[in-house]
C-alpha atoms as a PDB file:
ATOM      1  CA  UNK A   1     103.615 123.684  95.478  1.00  0.00           C
ATOM      2  CA  UNK A   2     105.556 121.647  92.898  1.00  0.00           C
ATOM      3  CA  UNK A   3     107.209 118.433  93.942  1.00  0.00           C
ATOM      4  CA  UNK A   4     110.730 119.786  93.755  1.00  0.00           C
ATOM      5  CA  UNK A   5     109.861 122.869  95.784  1.00  0.00           C
ATOM      6  CA  UNK A   6     108.408 120.334  98.318  1.00  0.00           C
ATOM      7  CA  UNK A   7     111.623 118.426  98.292  1.00  0.00           C
ATOM      8  CA  UNK A   8     113.633 121.560  98.981  1.00  0.00           C
ATOM      9  CA  UNK A   9     111.325 122.572 101.823  1.00  0.00           C
ATOM     10  CA  UNK A  10     111.422 119.090 103.364  1.00  0.00           C
ATOM     11  CA  UNK A  11     115.198 118.828 103.170  1.00  0.00           C
ATOM     12  CA  UNK A  12     115.668 122.333 104.683  1.00  0.00           C
ATOM     13  CA  UNK A  13     113.097 121.506 107.356  1.00  0.00           C
ATOM     14  CA  UNK A  14     114.949 118.285 108.211  1.00  0.00           C
ATOM     15  CA  UNK A  15     118.263 120.190 108.486  1.00  0.00           C
ATOM     16  CA  UNK A  16     116.667 122.931 110.728  1.00  0.00           C
ATOM     17  CA  UNK A  17     114.946 120.404 112.923  1.00  0.00           C
ATOM     18  CA  UNK A  18     118.053 118.331 113.438  1.00  0.00           C
ATOM     19  CA  UNK A  19     120.112 121.348 114.227  1.00  0.00           C
ATOM     20  CA  UNK A  20     117.522 122.784 116.549  1.00  0.00           C
ATOM     21  CA  UNK A  21     117.213 119.590 118.487  1.00  0.00           C
ATOM     22  CA  UNK A  22     120.960 119.347 118.974  1.00  0.00           C
ATOM     23  CA  UNK A  23     121.293 122.853 120.127  1.00  0.00           C
ATOM     24  CA  UNK A  24     118.292 122.484 122.443  1.00  0.00           C
ATOM     25  CA  UNK A  25     119.542 119.366 123.848  1.00  0.00           C
ATOM     26  CA  UNK A  26     122.971 120.709 124.539  1.00  0.00           C
ATOM     27  CA  UNK A  27     121.445 123.812 126.093  1.00  0.00           C
ATOM     28  CA  UNK A  28     119.230 121.977 128.444  1.00  0.00           C
ATOM     29  CA  UNK A  29     121.409 119.109 129.268  1.00  0.00           C
ATOM     30  CA  UNK A  30     122.776 118.871 132.851  1.00  0.00           C
ATOM     31  CA  UNK A  31     124.658 115.668 132.371  1.00  0.00           C
ATOM     32  CA  UNK A  32     128.455 115.709 132.357  1.00  0.00           C
ATOM     33  CA  UNK A  33     129.903 115.733 128.917  1.00  0.00           C
ATOM     34  CA  UNK A  34     131.953 112.886 127.672  1.00  0.00           C
ATOM     35  CA  UNK A  35     134.663 113.056 125.036  1.00  0.00           C
ATOM     36  CA  UNK A  36     133.947 109.613 123.721  1.00  0.00           C
ATOM     37  CA  UNK A  37     130.733 107.732 122.911  1.00  0.00           C
ATOM     38  CA  UNK A  38     130.406 104.332 124.543  1.00  0.00           C
ATOM     39  CA  UNK A  39     131.298 101.447 122.239  1.00  0.00           C
ATOM     40  CA  UNK A  40     127.888  99.819 122.587  1.00  0.00           C
ATOM     41  CA  UNK A  41     126.142 102.887 121.383  1.00  0.00           C
ATOM     42  CA  UNK A  42     128.395 103.202 118.363  1.00  0.00           C
ATOM     43  CA  UNK A  43     127.776  99.512 117.535  1.00  0.00           C
ATOM     44  CA  UNK A  44     124.081  99.862 117.810  1.00  0.00           C
ATOM     45  CA  UNK A  45     124.040 103.055 115.672  1.00  0.00           C
ATOM     46  CA  UNK A  46     126.109 101.358 112.952  1.00  0.00           C
ATOM     47  CA  UNK A  47     123.671  98.379 112.926  1.00  0.00           C
ATOM     48  CA  UNK A  48     120.588 100.634 112.675  1.00  0.00           C
ATOM     49  CA  UNK A  49     122.139 102.593 109.890  1.00  0.00           C
ATOM     50  CA  UNK A  50     123.002  99.416 107.998  1.00  0.00           C
ATOM     51  CA  UNK A  51     119.546  97.833 108.463  1.00  0.00           C
ATOM     52  CA  UNK A  52     117.833 101.106 107.376  1.00  0.00           C
ATOM     53  CA  UNK A  53     120.066 101.520 104.373  1.00  0.00           C
ATOM     54  CA  UNK A  54     119.094  97.961 103.243  1.00  0.00           C
ATOM     55  CA  UNK A  55     115.380  98.796 103.657  1.00  0.00           C
ATOM     56  CA  UNK A  56     115.684 102.044 101.806  1.00  0.00           C
ATOM     57  CA  UNK A  57     117.634 100.367  99.022  1.00  0.00           C
ATOM     58  CA  UNK A  58     114.916  97.626  98.673  1.00  0.00           C
ATOM     59  CA  UNK A  59     112.149 100.369  98.715  1.00  0.00           C
ATOM     60  CA  UNK A  60     113.997 102.336  95.934  1.00  0.00           C
ATOM     61  CA  UNK A  61     114.475  99.191  93.899  1.00  0.00           C
ATOM     62  CA  UNK A  62     110.846  98.271  94.273  1.00  0.00           C
ATOM     63  CA  UNK A  63     109.410 101.560  93.097  1.00  0.00           C
ATOM     64  CA  UNK A  64     111.868 101.814  90.219  1.00  0.00           C
ATOM     65  CA  UNK A  65     111.097  98.213  89.103  1.00  0.00           C
ATOM     66  CA  UNK A  66     107.309  99.170  89.198  1.00  0.00           C
ATOM     67  CA  UNK A  67     108.016 102.158  86.969  1.00  0.00           C
ATOM     68  CA  UNK A  68     110.126 100.197  84.441  1.00  0.00           C
ATOM     69  CA  UNK A  69     107.341  97.534  84.416  1.00  0.00           C
ATOM     70  CA  UNK A  70     104.707 100.213  83.701  1.00  0.00           C
ATOM     71  CA  UNK A  71     106.791 101.515  80.774  1.00  0.00           C
ATOM     72  CA  UNK A  72     107.072  98.148  79.308  1.00  0.00           C
ATOM     73  CA  UNK A  73     103.244  97.593  79.604  1.00  0.00           C
ATOM     74  CA  UNK A  74     102.669 100.820  77.775  1.00  0.00           C
ATOM     75  CA  UNK A  75     105.037  99.913  74.941  1.00  0.00           C
ATOM     76  CA  UNK A  76     103.494  96.405  74.700  1.00  0.00           C
ATOM     77  CA  UNK A  77      99.963  97.905  74.564  1.00  0.00           C
ATOM     78  CA  UNK A  78     100.834 100.536  71.867  1.00  0.00           C
ATOM     79  CA  UNK A  79     102.713  97.956  69.777  1.00  0.00           C
ATOM     80  CA  UNK A  80      99.929  95.483  69.870  1.00  0.00           C
ATOM     81  CA  UNK A  81      97.329  98.041  68.828  1.00  0.00           C
ATOM     82  CA  UNK A  82      99.625  99.273  65.995  1.00  0.00           C
ATOM     83  CA  UNK A  83      99.810  95.684  64.696  1.00  0.00           C
ATOM     84  CA  UNK A  84      96.014  95.339  64.824  1.00  0.00           C
ATOM     85  CA  UNK A  85      95.766  98.238  62.506  1.00  0.00           C
ATOM     86  CA  UNK A  86      98.342  96.841  60.209  1.00  0.00           C
ATOM     87  CA  UNK A  87      96.793  93.329  60.110  1.00  0.00           C
ATOM     88  CA  UNK A  88      93.361  94.754  59.319  1.00  0.00           C
ATOM     89  CA  UNK A  89      94.594  95.568  55.825  1.00  0.00           C
ATOM     90  CA  UNK A  90      93.351  92.058  54.725  1.00  0.00           C
ATOM     91  CA  UNK A  91      89.698  92.972  55.330  1.00  0.00           C
ATOM     92  CA  UNK A  92      87.400  94.852  52.900  1.00  0.00           C
ATOM     93  CA  UNK A  93      87.807  98.588  53.002  1.00  0.00           C
ATOM     94  CA  UNK A  94      84.675  99.237  55.202  1.00  0.00           C
ATOM     95  CA  UNK A  95      85.619  96.652  57.784  1.00  0.00           C
ATOM     96  CA  UNK A  96      89.302  97.693  57.678  1.00  0.00           C
ATOM     97  CA  UNK A  97      88.420 101.344  58.101  1.00  0.00           C
ATOM     98  CA  UNK A  98      85.976 100.632  60.969  1.00  0.00           C
ATOM     99  CA  UNK A  99      88.711  98.528  62.923  1.00  0.00           C
ATOM    100  CA  UNK A 100      91.353 101.262  62.383  1.00  0.00           C
ATOM    101  CA  UNK A 101      88.957 104.026  63.346  1.00  0.00           C
ATOM    102  CA  UNK A 102      88.082 102.383  66.602  1.00  0.00           C
ATOM    103  CA  UNK A 103      91.821 101.703  67.329  1.00  0.00           C
ATOM    104  CA  UNK A 104      92.451 105.418  66.738  1.00  0.00           C
ATOM    105  CA  UNK A 105      89.486 106.372  68.988  1.00  0.00           C
ATOM    106  CA  UNK A 106      90.884 104.223  71.778  1.00  0.00           C
ATOM    107  CA  UNK A 107      94.435 105.538  71.425  1.00  0.00           C
ATOM    108  CA  UNK A 108      93.255 109.117  71.261  1.00  0.00           C
ATOM    109  CA  UNK A 109      91.172 108.634  74.346  1.00  0.00           C
ATOM    110  CA  UNK A 110      94.025 106.964  76.329  1.00  0.00           C
ATOM    111  CA  UNK A 111      96.526 109.725  75.564  1.00  0.00           C
ATOM    112  CA  UNK A 112      94.212 112.742  75.813  1.00  0.00           C
ATOM    113  CA  UNK A 113      91.896 111.683  78.674  1.00  0.00           C
ATOM    114  CA  UNK A 114      92.956 108.435  80.406  1.00  0.00           C
ATOM    115  CA  UNK A 115      96.587 109.487  81.123  1.00  0.00           C
ATOM    116  CA  UNK A 116      95.395 112.354  83.305  1.00  0.00           C
ATOM    117  CA  UNK A 117      92.673 110.213  84.729  1.00  0.00           C
ATOM    118  CA  UNK A 118      95.136 107.668  85.949  1.00  0.00           C
ATOM    119  CA  UNK A 119      97.296 110.202  87.684  1.00  0.00           C
ATOM    120  CA  UNK A 120      94.243 111.820  89.412  1.00  0.00           C
ATOM    121  CA  UNK A 121      92.295 108.632  90.297  1.00  0.00           C
ATOM    122  CA  UNK A 122      94.899 105.898  90.488  1.00  0.00           C
ATOM    123  CA  UNK A 123      92.940 103.614  88.078  1.00  0.00           C
ATOM    124  CA  UNK A 124      92.079 103.152  84.569  1.00  0.00           C
ATOM    125  CA  UNK A 125      88.689 104.342  83.246  1.00  0.00           C
ATOM    126  CA  UNK A 126      85.573 102.429  82.190  1.00  0.00           C
ATOM    127  CA  UNK A 127      85.287 104.385  79.047  1.00  0.00           C
ATOM    128  CA  UNK A 128      88.715 103.175  77.847  1.00  0.00           C
ATOM    129  CA  UNK A 129      87.742  99.587  78.634  1.00  0.00           C
ATOM    130  CA  UNK A 130      84.642  99.920  76.440  1.00  0.00           C
ATOM    131  CA  UNK A 131      86.476 101.497  73.568  1.00  0.00           C
ATOM    132  CA  UNK A 132      88.979  98.556  73.574  1.00  0.00           C
ATOM    133  CA  UNK A 133      86.083  96.111  73.729  1.00  0.00           C
ATOM    134  CA  UNK A 134      84.559  97.839  70.648  1.00  0.00           C
ATOM    135  CA  UNK A 135      87.862  96.995  68.752  1.00  0.00           C
ATOM    136  CA  UNK A 136      87.565  93.313  69.873  1.00  0.00           C
ATOM    137  CA  UNK A 137      83.914  93.232  68.761  1.00  0.00           C
ATOM    138  CA  UNK A 138      84.809  94.645  65.365  1.00  0.00           C
ATOM    139  CA  UNK A 139      86.985  91.548  64.637  1.00  0.00           C
ATOM    140  CA  UNK A 140      85.260  88.795  66.731  1.00  0.00           C
ATOM    141  CA  UNK A 141      81.728  89.379  65.472  1.00  0.00           C
ATOM    142  CA  UNK A 142      82.692  89.145  61.767  1.00  0.00           C
ATOM    143  CA  UNK A 143      83.630  85.666  60.673  1.00  0.00           C
ATOM    144  CA  UNK A 144      86.364  85.406  58.082  1.00  0.00           C
ATOM    145  CA  UNK A 145      85.145  85.173  54.498  1.00  0.00           C
ATOM    146  CA  UNK A 146      88.432  84.545  52.608  1.00  0.00           C
ATOM    147  CA  UNK A 147      91.526  82.306  53.193  1.00  0.00           C
ATOM    148  CA  UNK A 148      93.588  85.544  53.882  1.00  0.00           C
ATOM    149  CA  UNK A 149      91.123  86.767  56.451  1.00  0.00           C
ATOM    150  CA  UNK A 150      91.082  83.351  58.174  1.00  0.00           C
ATOM    151  CA  UNK A 151      94.872  83.344  58.383  1.00  0.00           C
ATOM    152  CA  UNK A 152      94.714  86.859  59.979  1.00  0.00           C
ATOM    153  CA  UNK A 153      91.761  86.398  62.182  1.00  0.00           C
ATOM    154  CA  UNK A 154      93.355  84.651  65.304  1.00  0.00           C
ATOM    155  CA  UNK A 155      96.574  86.741  65.102  1.00  0.00           C
ATOM    156  CA  UNK A 156      94.497  90.043  65.253  1.00  0.00           C
ATOM    157  CA  UNK A 157      92.535  88.694  68.160  1.00  0.00           C
ATOM    158  CA  UNK A 158      95.744  87.585  69.859  1.00  0.00           C
ATOM    159  CA  UNK A 159      97.141  91.178  69.485  1.00  0.00           C
ATOM    160  CA  UNK A 160      93.929  92.571  70.895  1.00  0.00           C
ATOM    161  CA  UNK A 161      94.241  90.155  73.890  1.00  0.00           C
ATOM    162  CA  UNK A 162      97.914  91.317  74.343  1.00  0.00           C
ATOM    163  CA  UNK A 163      96.772  94.944  74.350  1.00  0.00           C
ATOM    164  CA  UNK A 164      93.949  94.140  76.835  1.00  0.00           C
ATOM    165  CA  UNK A 165      96.429  92.373  79.142  1.00  0.00           C
ATOM    166  CA  UNK A 166      98.875  95.261  78.897  1.00  0.00           C
ATOM    167  CA  UNK A 167      96.034  97.700  79.708  1.00  0.00           C
ATOM    168  CA  UNK A 168      95.093  95.652  82.801  1.00  0.00           C
ATOM    169  CA  UNK A 169      98.680  95.618  83.919  1.00  0.00           C
ATOM    170  CA  UNK A 170      98.983  99.360  83.359  1.00  0.00           C
ATOM    171  CA  UNK A 171      95.922  99.836  85.526  1.00  0.00           C
ATOM    172  CA  UNK A 172      97.687  97.946  88.427  1.00  0.00           C
ATOM    173  CA  UNK A 173     100.534 100.411  88.288  1.00  0.00           C
ATOM    174  CA  UNK A 174      98.182 103.478  88.197  1.00  0.00           C
ATOM    175  CA  UNK A 175      98.359 104.868  91.755  1.00  0.00           C
ATOM    176  CA  UNK A 176     100.563 104.045  94.644  1.00  0.00           C
ATOM    177  CA  UNK A 177     102.421 100.797  94.458  1.00  0.00           C
ATOM    178  CA  UNK A 178     104.153 100.870  97.892  1.00  0.00           C
ATOM    179  CA  UNK A 179     101.974  99.336 100.771  1.00  0.00           C
ATOM    180  CA  UNK A 180     101.073 101.597 103.650  1.00  0.00           C
ATOM    181  CA  UNK A 181     102.840  99.238 106.103  1.00  0.00           C
ATOM    182  CA  UNK A 182     106.095  99.767 104.267  1.00  0.00           C
ATOM    183  CA  UNK A 183     105.708 103.501 104.572  1.00  0.00           C
ATOM    184  CA  UNK A 184     105.150 103.180 108.309  1.00  0.00           C
ATOM    185  CA  UNK A 185     108.479 101.342 108.471  1.00  0.00           C
ATOM    186  CA  UNK A 186     110.333 103.853 106.292  1.00  0.00           C
ATOM    187  CA  UNK A 187     109.171 106.830 108.362  1.00  0.00           C
ATOM    188  CA  UNK A 188     109.743 105.132 111.642  1.00  0.00           C
ATOM    189  CA  UNK A 189     113.171 103.962 110.578  1.00  0.00           C
ATOM    190  CA  UNK A 190     114.057 107.485 109.433  1.00  0.00           C
ATOM    191  CA  UNK A 191     113.040 108.920 112.812  1.00  0.00           C
ATOM    192  CA  UNK A 192     115.074 106.239 114.722  1.00  0.00           C
ATOM    193  CA  UNK A 193     118.108 106.598 112.439  1.00  0.00           C
ATOM    194  CA  UNK A 194     118.268 110.331 112.742  1.00  0.00           C
ATOM    195  CA  UNK A 195     117.438 110.116 116.438  1.00  0.00           C
ATOM    196  CA  UNK A 196     120.582 108.027 116.970  1.00  0.00           C
ATOM    197  CA  UNK A 197     122.510 111.137 116.089  1.00  0.00           C
ATOM    198  CA  UNK A 198     121.590 112.458 119.452  1.00  0.00           C
ATOM    199  CA  UNK A 199     122.428 109.164 121.213  1.00  0.00           C
ATOM    200  CA  UNK A 200     125.911 109.784 120.035  1.00  0.00           C
ATOM    201  CA  UNK A 201     126.067 112.902 122.204  1.00  0.00           C
ATOM    202  CA  UNK A 202     126.674 115.094 119.218  1.00  0.00           C
ATOM    203  CA  UNK A 203     128.027 118.461 120.122  1.00  0.00           C
ATOM    204  CA  UNK A 204     126.988 121.868 118.735  1.00  0.00           C
ATOM    205  CA  UNK A 205     130.129 122.569 116.789  1.00  0.00           C
ATOM    206  CA  UNK A 206     129.699 123.789 113.229  1.00  0.00           C
ATOM    207  CA  UNK A 207     131.086 120.627 111.793  1.00  0.00           C
ATOM    208  CA  UNK A 208     128.938 118.283 113.714  1.00  0.00           C
ATOM    209  CA  UNK A 209     125.871 120.396 113.105  1.00  0.00           C
ATOM    210  CA  UNK A 210     126.573 120.402 109.358  1.00  0.00           C
ATOM    211  CA  UNK A 211     126.953 116.587 109.519  1.00  0.00           C
ATOM    212  CA  UNK A 212     123.671 116.144 111.253  1.00  0.00           C
ATOM    213  CA  UNK A 213     121.876 118.524 108.879  1.00  0.00           C
ATOM    214  CA  UNK A 214     123.358 116.765 105.713  1.00  0.00           C
ATOM    215  CA  UNK A 215     122.436 113.383 107.014  1.00  0.00           C
ATOM    216  CA  UNK A 216     118.842 114.454 107.779  1.00  0.00           C
ATOM    217  CA  UNK A 217     118.590 116.099 104.303  1.00  0.00           C
ATOM    218  CA  UNK A 218     119.840 112.928 102.697  1.00  0.00           C
ATOM    219  CA  UNK A 219     117.095 110.865 104.422  1.00  0.00           C
ATOM    220  CA  UNK A 220     114.493 113.363 103.485  1.00  0.00           C
ATOM    221  CA  UNK A 221     115.557 113.305  99.819  1.00  0.00           C
ATOM    222  CA  UNK A 222     115.585 109.443  99.633  1.00  0.00           C
ATOM    223  CA  UNK A 223     112.061 109.349 101.147  1.00  0.00           C
ATOM    224  CA  UNK A 224     110.909 111.982  98.767  1.00  0.00           C
ATOM    225  CA  UNK A 225     112.354 110.056  95.858  1.00  0.00           C
ATOM    226  CA  UNK A 226     110.568 106.882  96.886  1.00  0.00           C
ATOM    227  CA  UNK A 227     107.259 108.797  97.327  1.00  0.00           C
ATOM    228  CA  UNK A 228     107.626 110.448  93.909  1.00  0.00           C
ATOM    229  CA  UNK A 229     108.454 107.150  92.133  1.00  0.00           C
ATOM    230  CA  UNK A 230     105.656 105.300  94.049  1.00  0.00           C
ATOM    231  CA  UNK A 231     103.066 106.537  91.465  1.00  0.00           C
ATOM    232  CA  UNK A 232     104.401 105.694  87.984  1.00  0.00           C
ATOM    233  CA  UNK A 233     101.853 107.781  86.210  1.00  0.00           C
ATOM    234  CA  UNK A 234     101.423 110.617  88.711  1.00  0.00           C
ATOM    235  CA  UNK A 235     104.811 111.612  89.834  1.00  0.00           C
ATOM    236  CA  UNK A 236     107.196 114.386  88.617  1.00  0.00           C
ATOM    237  CA  UNK A 237     109.009 111.806  86.469  1.00  0.00           C
ATOM    238  CA  UNK A 238     105.868 109.912  85.373  1.00  0.00           C
ATOM    239  CA  UNK A 239     105.630 107.367  82.659  1.00  0.00           C
ATOM    240  CA  UNK A 240     104.628 109.074  79.433  1.00  0.00           C
ATOM    241  CA  UNK A 241     102.432 108.015  76.590  1.00  0.00           C
ATOM    242  CA  UNK A 242     105.388 108.381  74.068  1.00  0.00           C
ATOM    243  CA  UNK A 243     104.935 104.849  72.575  1.00  0.00           C
ATOM    244  CA  UNK A 244     101.410 105.763  71.543  1.00  0.00           C
ATOM    245  CA  UNK A 245     102.525 109.028  70.198  1.00  0.00           C
ATOM    246  CA  UNK A 246     105.419 107.486  68.198  1.00  0.00           C
ATOM    247  CA  UNK A 247     103.398 104.614  66.761  1.00  0.00           C
ATOM    248  CA  UNK A 248     100.321 106.708  65.887  1.00  0.00           C
ATOM    249  CA  UNK A 249     101.922 109.990  64.601  1.00  0.00           C
ATOM    250  CA  UNK A 250      98.965 110.838  62.381  1.00  0.00           C
ATOM    251  CA  UNK A 251      96.718 111.302  65.424  1.00  0.00           C
ATOM    252  CA  UNK A 252      98.717 114.446  66.389  1.00  0.00           C
ATOM    253  CA  UNK A 253      98.933 113.305  70.092  1.00  0.00           C
ATOM    254  CA  UNK A 254     102.246 115.031  70.877  1.00  0.00           C
ATOM    255  CA  UNK A 255     100.832 117.994  72.657  1.00  0.00           C
ATOM    256  CA  UNK A 256      98.829 115.725  74.966  1.00  0.00           C
ATOM    257  CA  UNK A 257     101.478 113.178  75.863  1.00  0.00           C
END
């Protein structure tokens, strides 16, 4: 089942459950009906709705910020590796080609293998770390032999360090970013907020049933959106490897990213 199909099913289920509970409550209730809801219940319901709206807003902002940060880390990593290949031009052909070949091997592995691995396992792979360490070794184990190489030596190592830091940050965003305790609060808050519809003594008129259904569907949609954005590299709107694809077009990575 695709994520958007799951969303439609969840929203429809929320509507049906809300409507069914209202109808069942009205059918079984033996209490006298009141035309007006007590003011204290209206006040409590309003406060619960406001508090839960704030919590939902913070949760949405949190997962979106994590996704944006993951995109920035991917761009930073790809740009740093691209600069490593460019700066390697000062080395002799055999050294330059070795550095560039190892950079290309790392980029190809990240796009073709590790991207799927992150979505499935929620972490970066050891193989990718080894490939990046090989790029560092290519530069660090060969002392500069000319003035031009000496001027480029530290900047190249700095770019590799930037790529390594960006890779580590990318690994932190691989998998769920929302703590489990927050999810407990979101789900419990949704149940309480929707449950307050019944505290308002909602009747079974078509208008009120439609209102209860739409409200329940909205809560279901917002929770689904948070869940989908919670994994930047595994959701339906996942972060892509486009920076690598754009900066290394000769590797023909477009079909994989």
